[in-house]
């Protein structure tokens, strides 16, 4: 603590002048972005526009043997396809089934088989993938070959297929 002497008053004046000078020097820096942030913003690529190069890509997961969920996935696919066709942008939609959801693509049990057949006949944007791991397990349990609808493409693993599509930038929805 400074005593009120002429030397102490002088020290306070010097401190006040230094604080004021420091404030004047620092204030403009508070409004400016830090150099590293500004540099990063300048060198960063603009965000990708989905409709430009590859178009829009959606993967829908079906892993339950519930007809309502299967129909919801088909409704989602049709609605997305209609939306992007309506605005003139390309779209790809893949419905991936595994676990109990494989029943959606089974030729002998699918409650939506006729709808899949109809969609495949009218749409080039919507495709169907069936998990071979699930099909092999069902074959062992049921002791018979599991027939799939002709519109299904067999993939080694449904979960891996979804992962790979997401790694390629596909959007993921689980109805």
C-alpha atoms as a PDB file:
ATOM      1  CA  UNK A   1       0.000   0.000   0.000  1.00  0.00           C
ATOM      2  CA  UNK A   2       1.261   3.450  -0.892  1.00  0.00           C
ATOM      3  CA  UNK A   3       1.423   6.242   1.639  1.00  0.00           C
ATOM      4  CA  UNK A   4       0.120   9.675   0.670  1.00  0.00           C
ATOM      5  CA  UNK A   5       3.542  11.216   0.163  1.00  0.00           C
ATOM      6  CA  UNK A   6       4.703  13.010  -2.877  1.00  0.00           C
ATOM      7  CA  UNK A   7       6.603   9.868  -3.940  1.00  0.00           C
ATOM      8  CA  UNK A   8       3.515   7.684  -3.355  1.00  0.00           C
ATOM      9  CA  UNK A   9       1.305  10.025  -5.354  1.00  0.00           C
ATOM     10  CA  UNK A  10       3.827   9.906  -8.162  1.00  0.00           C
ATOM     11  CA  UNK A  11       3.785   6.100  -8.147  1.00  0.00           C
ATOM     12  CA  UNK A  12      -0.028   6.079  -8.308  1.00  0.00           C
ATOM     13  CA  UNK A  13       0.065   8.469 -11.261  1.00  0.00           C
ATOM     14  CA  UNK A  14       2.499   6.247 -13.082  1.00  0.00           C
ATOM     15  CA  UNK A  15       0.346   3.169 -12.433  1.00  0.00           C
ATOM     16  CA  UNK A  16      -2.757   5.025 -13.638  1.00  0.00           C
ATOM     17  CA  UNK A  17      -0.960   6.080 -16.809  1.00  0.00           C
ATOM     18  CA  UNK A  18       0.259   2.515 -17.393  1.00  0.00           C
ATOM     19  CA  UNK A  19      -3.213   1.033 -16.853  1.00  0.00           C
ATOM     20  CA  UNK A  20      -4.752   3.578 -19.226  1.00  0.00           C
ATOM     21  CA  UNK A  21      -2.092   2.865 -21.864  1.00  0.00           C
ATOM     22  CA  UNK A  22      -2.642  -0.857 -21.484  1.00  0.00           C
ATOM     23  CA  UNK A  23      -6.411  -0.438 -21.901  1.00  0.00           C
ATOM     24  CA  UNK A  24      -5.910   1.651 -25.024  1.00  0.00           C
ATOM     25  CA  UNK A  25      -3.601  -1.031 -26.453  1.00  0.00           C
ATOM     26  CA  UNK A  26      -5.850  -4.001 -25.569  1.00  0.00           C
ATOM     27  CA  UNK A  27      -9.303  -2.635 -26.481  1.00  0.00           C
ATOM     28  CA  UNK A  28      -8.859  -2.896 -30.277  1.00  0.00           C
ATOM     29  CA  UNK A  29      -7.741  -6.493 -29.878  1.00  0.00           C
ATOM     30  CA  UNK A  30     -11.003  -7.435 -28.174  1.00  0.00           C
ATOM     31  CA  UNK A  31     -12.966  -6.610 -31.334  1.00  0.00           C
ATOM     32  CA  UNK A  32     -10.616  -8.455 -33.697  1.00  0.00           C
ATOM     33  CA  UNK A  33     -10.822 -12.254 -34.084  1.00  0.00           C
ATOM     34  CA  UNK A  34      -7.761 -14.171 -32.915  1.00  0.00           C
ATOM     35  CA  UNK A  35      -5.277 -14.728 -35.746  1.00  0.00           C
ATOM     36  CA  UNK A  36      -5.528 -18.530 -35.608  1.00  0.00           C
ATOM     37  CA  UNK A  37      -9.317 -18.484 -35.807  1.00  0.00           C
ATOM     38  CA  UNK A  38      -9.351 -15.986 -38.653  1.00  0.00           C
ATOM     39  CA  UNK A  39      -6.795 -18.035 -40.553  1.00  0.00           C
ATOM     40  CA  UNK A  40      -8.778 -21.257 -40.046  1.00  0.00           C
ATOM     41  CA  UNK A  41     -11.964 -19.610 -41.257  1.00  0.00           C
ATOM     42  CA  UNK A  42     -10.247 -18.313 -44.384  1.00  0.00           C
ATOM     43  CA  UNK A  43      -8.664 -21.633 -45.303  1.00  0.00           C
ATOM     44  CA  UNK A  44     -11.692 -23.812 -44.490  1.00  0.00           C
ATOM     45  CA  UNK A  45     -13.646 -25.145 -47.462  1.00  0.00           C
ATOM     46  CA  UNK A  46     -17.262 -24.054 -47.719  1.00  0.00           C
ATOM     47  CA  UNK A  47     -19.793 -26.609 -46.474  1.00  0.00           C
ATOM     48  CA  UNK A  48     -20.876 -29.164 -49.059  1.00  0.00           C
ATOM     49  CA  UNK A  49     -24.179 -28.546 -50.767  1.00  0.00           C
ATOM     50  CA  UNK A  50     -26.056 -31.872 -50.791  1.00  0.00           C
ATOM     51  CA  UNK A  51     -27.814 -31.391 -54.125  1.00  0.00           C
ATOM     52  CA  UNK A  52     -24.696 -30.495 -56.131  1.00  0.00           C
ATOM     53  CA  UNK A  53     -22.440 -33.468 -56.888  1.00  0.00           C
ATOM     54  CA  UNK A  54     -23.760 -36.853 -55.823  1.00  0.00           C
ATOM     55  CA  UNK A  55     -27.227 -35.683 -54.951  1.00  0.00           C
ATOM     56  CA  UNK A  56     -29.029 -36.604 -51.788  1.00  0.00           C
ATOM     57  CA  UNK A  57     -28.434 -40.043 -50.307  1.00  0.00           C
ATOM     58  CA  UNK A  58     -30.515 -41.653 -47.567  1.00  0.00           C
ATOM     59  CA  UNK A  59     -30.188 -45.016 -45.844  1.00  0.00           C
ATOM     60  CA  UNK A  60     -33.224 -46.302 -43.938  1.00  0.00           C
ATOM     61  CA  UNK A  61     -32.789 -49.071 -41.357  1.00  0.00           C
ATOM     62  CA  UNK A  62     -35.405 -51.752 -40.743  1.00  0.00           C
ATOM     63  CA  UNK A  63     -34.530 -54.183 -37.948  1.00  0.00           C
ATOM     64  CA  UNK A  64     -37.942 -55.110 -36.616  1.00  0.00           C
ATOM     65  CA  UNK A  65     -40.613 -57.519 -37.835  1.00  0.00           C
ATOM     66  CA  UNK A  66     -43.403 -54.969 -37.453  1.00  0.00           C
ATOM     67  CA  UNK A  67     -45.467 -54.244 -40.577  1.00  0.00           C
ATOM     68  CA  UNK A  68     -46.125 -50.689 -39.349  1.00  0.00           C
ATOM     69  CA  UNK A  69     -42.376 -49.959 -39.235  1.00  0.00           C
ATOM     70  CA  UNK A  70     -41.862 -51.554 -42.657  1.00  0.00           C
ATOM     71  CA  UNK A  71     -44.639 -49.422 -44.130  1.00  0.00           C
ATOM     72  CA  UNK A  72     -43.264 -46.337 -42.418  1.00  0.00           C
ATOM     73  CA  UNK A  73     -39.842 -46.965 -43.998  1.00  0.00           C
ATOM     74  CA  UNK A  74     -41.489 -47.341 -47.409  1.00  0.00           C
ATOM     75  CA  UNK A  75     -43.541 -44.178 -46.833  1.00  0.00           C
ATOM     76  CA  UNK A  76     -40.386 -42.279 -45.842  1.00  0.00           C
ATOM     77  CA  UNK A  77     -38.599 -43.507 -48.973  1.00  0.00           C
ATOM     78  CA  UNK A  78     -41.465 -42.509 -51.268  1.00  0.00           C
ATOM     79  CA  UNK A  79     -41.876 -39.097 -49.623  1.00  0.00           C
ATOM     80  CA  UNK A  80     -38.154 -38.302 -49.847  1.00  0.00           C
ATOM     81  CA  UNK A  81     -38.038 -39.436 -53.467  1.00  0.00           C
ATOM     82  CA  UNK A  82     -41.087 -37.319 -54.392  1.00  0.00           C
ATOM     83  CA  UNK A  83     -39.686 -34.266 -52.610  1.00  0.00           C
ATOM     84  CA  UNK A  84     -36.376 -34.267 -54.455  1.00  0.00           C
ATOM     85  CA  UNK A  85     -37.881 -35.199 -57.813  1.00  0.00           C
ATOM     86  CA  UNK A  86     -40.291 -32.293 -57.335  1.00  0.00           C
ATOM     87  CA  UNK A  87     -37.433 -29.816 -57.002  1.00  0.00           C
ATOM     88  CA  UNK A  88     -35.332 -31.454 -59.703  1.00  0.00           C
ATOM     89  CA  UNK A  89     -32.552 -32.829 -57.502  1.00  0.00           C
ATOM     90  CA  UNK A  90     -31.180 -36.382 -57.641  1.00  0.00           C
ATOM     91  CA  UNK A  91     -31.729 -38.756 -54.737  1.00  0.00           C
ATOM     92  CA  UNK A  92     -30.725 -42.313 -53.826  1.00  0.00           C
ATOM     93  CA  UNK A  93     -32.490 -44.237 -51.070  1.00  0.00           C
ATOM     94  CA  UNK A  94     -31.435 -47.615 -49.716  1.00  0.00           C
ATOM     95  CA  UNK A  95     -33.526 -49.582 -47.245  1.00  0.00           C
ATOM     96  CA  UNK A  96     -31.249 -51.935 -45.288  1.00  0.00           C
ATOM     97  CA  UNK A  97     -32.809 -54.838 -43.374  1.00  0.00           C
ATOM     98  CA  UNK A  98     -31.247 -57.057 -40.724  1.00  0.00           C
ATOM     99  CA  UNK A  99     -32.307 -59.058 -37.677  1.00  0.00           C
ATOM    100  CA  UNK A 100     -36.079 -59.486 -37.490  1.00  0.00           C
ATOM    101  CA  UNK A 101     -36.369 -56.728 -40.117  1.00  0.00           C
ATOM    102  CA  UNK A 102     -35.179 -59.204 -42.764  1.00  0.00           C
ATOM    103  CA  UNK A 103     -38.768 -60.480 -42.832  1.00  0.00           C
ATOM    104  CA  UNK A 104     -39.547 -57.359 -44.855  1.00  0.00           C
ATOM    105  CA  UNK A 105     -37.556 -58.818 -47.767  1.00  0.00           C
ATOM    106  CA  UNK A 106     -38.447 -62.485 -47.292  1.00  0.00           C
ATOM    107  CA  UNK A 107     -40.441 -63.812 -50.225  1.00  0.00           C
ATOM    108  CA  UNK A 108     -42.385 -66.177 -47.958  1.00  0.00           C
ATOM    109  CA  UNK A 109     -43.209 -63.850 -45.023  1.00  0.00           C
ATOM    110  CA  UNK A 110     -43.048 -60.210 -46.136  1.00  0.00           C
ATOM    111  CA  UNK A 111     -46.217 -58.298 -45.300  1.00  0.00           C
ATOM    112  CA  UNK A 112     -45.108 -55.576 -47.762  1.00  0.00           C
ATOM    113  CA  UNK A 113     -43.946 -57.784 -50.649  1.00  0.00           C
ATOM    114  CA  UNK A 114     -46.443 -56.406 -53.170  1.00  0.00           C
ATOM    115  CA  UNK A 115     -45.624 -52.821 -52.232  1.00  0.00           C
ATOM    116  CA  UNK A 116     -41.889 -53.498 -52.694  1.00  0.00           C
ATOM    117  CA  UNK A 117     -42.586 -55.052 -56.095  1.00  0.00           C
ATOM    118  CA  UNK A 118     -44.643 -52.031 -57.135  1.00  0.00           C
ATOM    119  CA  UNK A 119     -42.035 -49.541 -55.901  1.00  0.00           C
ATOM    120  CA  UNK A 120     -39.210 -51.348 -57.677  1.00  0.00           C
ATOM    121  CA  UNK A 121     -41.201 -51.221 -60.920  1.00  0.00           C
ATOM    122  CA  UNK A 122     -41.760 -47.459 -60.712  1.00  0.00           C
ATOM    123  CA  UNK A 123     -38.657 -46.145 -58.920  1.00  0.00           C
ATOM    124  CA  UNK A 124     -34.989 -46.263 -59.800  1.00  0.00           C
ATOM    125  CA  UNK A 125     -34.107 -44.244 -56.688  1.00  0.00           C
ATOM    126  CA  UNK A 126     -35.122 -46.808 -54.047  1.00  0.00           C
ATOM    127  CA  UNK A 127     -33.171 -50.028 -53.439  1.00  0.00           C
ATOM    128  CA  UNK A 128     -33.355 -52.823 -50.857  1.00  0.00           C
ATOM    129  CA  UNK A 129     -30.514 -54.605 -49.036  1.00  0.00           C
ATOM    130  CA  UNK A 130     -30.797 -57.843 -47.053  1.00  0.00           C
ATOM    131  CA  UNK A 131     -28.295 -58.926 -44.391  1.00  0.00           C
ATOM    132  CA  UNK A 132     -26.697 -62.260 -45.277  1.00  0.00           C
ATOM    133  CA  UNK A 133     -25.640 -62.859 -41.658  1.00  0.00           C
ATOM    134  CA  UNK A 134     -29.290 -62.708 -40.612  1.00  0.00           C
ATOM    135  CA  UNK A 135     -30.385 -64.855 -43.531  1.00  0.00           C
ATOM    136  CA  UNK A 136     -27.796 -67.532 -42.628  1.00  0.00           C
ATOM    137  CA  UNK A 137     -28.905 -67.516 -38.980  1.00  0.00           C
ATOM    138  CA  UNK A 138     -32.573 -67.785 -39.964  1.00  0.00           C
ATOM    139  CA  UNK A 139     -31.704 -70.647 -42.321  1.00  0.00           C
ATOM    140  CA  UNK A 140     -29.995 -72.548 -39.475  1.00  0.00           C
ATOM    141  CA  UNK A 141     -32.879 -71.968 -37.075  1.00  0.00           C
ATOM    142  CA  UNK A 142     -35.598 -72.823 -39.596  1.00  0.00           C
ATOM    143  CA  UNK A 143     -33.507 -75.568 -41.231  1.00  0.00           C
ATOM    144  CA  UNK A 144     -34.344 -74.333 -44.730  1.00  0.00           C
ATOM    145  CA  UNK A 145     -33.157 -71.847 -47.317  1.00  0.00           C
ATOM    146  CA  UNK A 146     -34.631 -68.368 -46.742  1.00  0.00           C
ATOM    147  CA  UNK A 147     -36.087 -67.023 -50.000  1.00  0.00           C
ATOM    148  CA  UNK A 148     -35.783 -63.293 -50.652  1.00  0.00           C
ATOM    149  CA  UNK A 149     -37.844 -61.051 -52.916  1.00  0.00           C
ATOM    150  CA  UNK A 150     -36.197 -60.527 -56.290  1.00  0.00           C
ATOM    151  CA  UNK A 151     -35.756 -56.808 -55.566  1.00  0.00           C
ATOM    152  CA  UNK A 152     -33.378 -57.503 -52.649  1.00  0.00           C
ATOM    153  CA  UNK A 153     -29.619 -57.247 -52.928  1.00  0.00           C
ATOM    154  CA  UNK A 154     -27.751 -59.416 -50.430  1.00  0.00           C
ATOM    155  CA  UNK A 155     -25.054 -57.668 -48.382  1.00  0.00           C
ATOM    156  CA  UNK A 156     -22.731 -59.531 -46.034  1.00  0.00           C
ATOM    157  CA  UNK A 157     -23.828 -57.523 -42.985  1.00  0.00           C
ATOM    158  CA  UNK A 158     -26.681 -55.036 -42.699  1.00  0.00           C
ATOM    159  CA  UNK A 159     -25.015 -53.103 -39.892  1.00  0.00           C
ATOM    160  CA  UNK A 160     -21.731 -52.906 -41.796  1.00  0.00           C
ATOM    161  CA  UNK A 161     -23.613 -51.724 -44.894  1.00  0.00           C
ATOM    162  CA  UNK A 162     -25.194 -48.873 -42.921  1.00  0.00           C
ATOM    163  CA  UNK A 163     -21.830 -47.930 -41.430  1.00  0.00           C
ATOM    164  CA  UNK A 164     -20.159 -47.858 -44.839  1.00  0.00           C
ATOM    165  CA  UNK A 165     -22.912 -45.732 -46.344  1.00  0.00           C
ATOM    166  CA  UNK A 166     -22.674 -43.270 -43.455  1.00  0.00           C
ATOM    167  CA  UNK A 167     -18.887 -43.124 -43.896  1.00  0.00           C
ATOM    168  CA  UNK A 168     -19.569 -42.152 -47.529  1.00  0.00           C
ATOM    169  CA  UNK A 169     -21.779 -39.285 -46.380  1.00  0.00           C
ATOM    170  CA  UNK A 170     -25.237 -40.884 -46.577  1.00  0.00           C
ATOM    171  CA  UNK A 171     -27.876 -39.599 -44.160  1.00  0.00           C
ATOM    172  CA  UNK A 172     -29.281 -42.212 -41.759  1.00  0.00           C
ATOM    173  CA  UNK A 173     -32.854 -42.601 -40.552  1.00  0.00           C
ATOM    174  CA  UNK A 174     -34.422 -45.322 -38.462  1.00  0.00           C
ATOM    175  CA  UNK A 175     -38.200 -45.119 -38.829  1.00  0.00           C
END
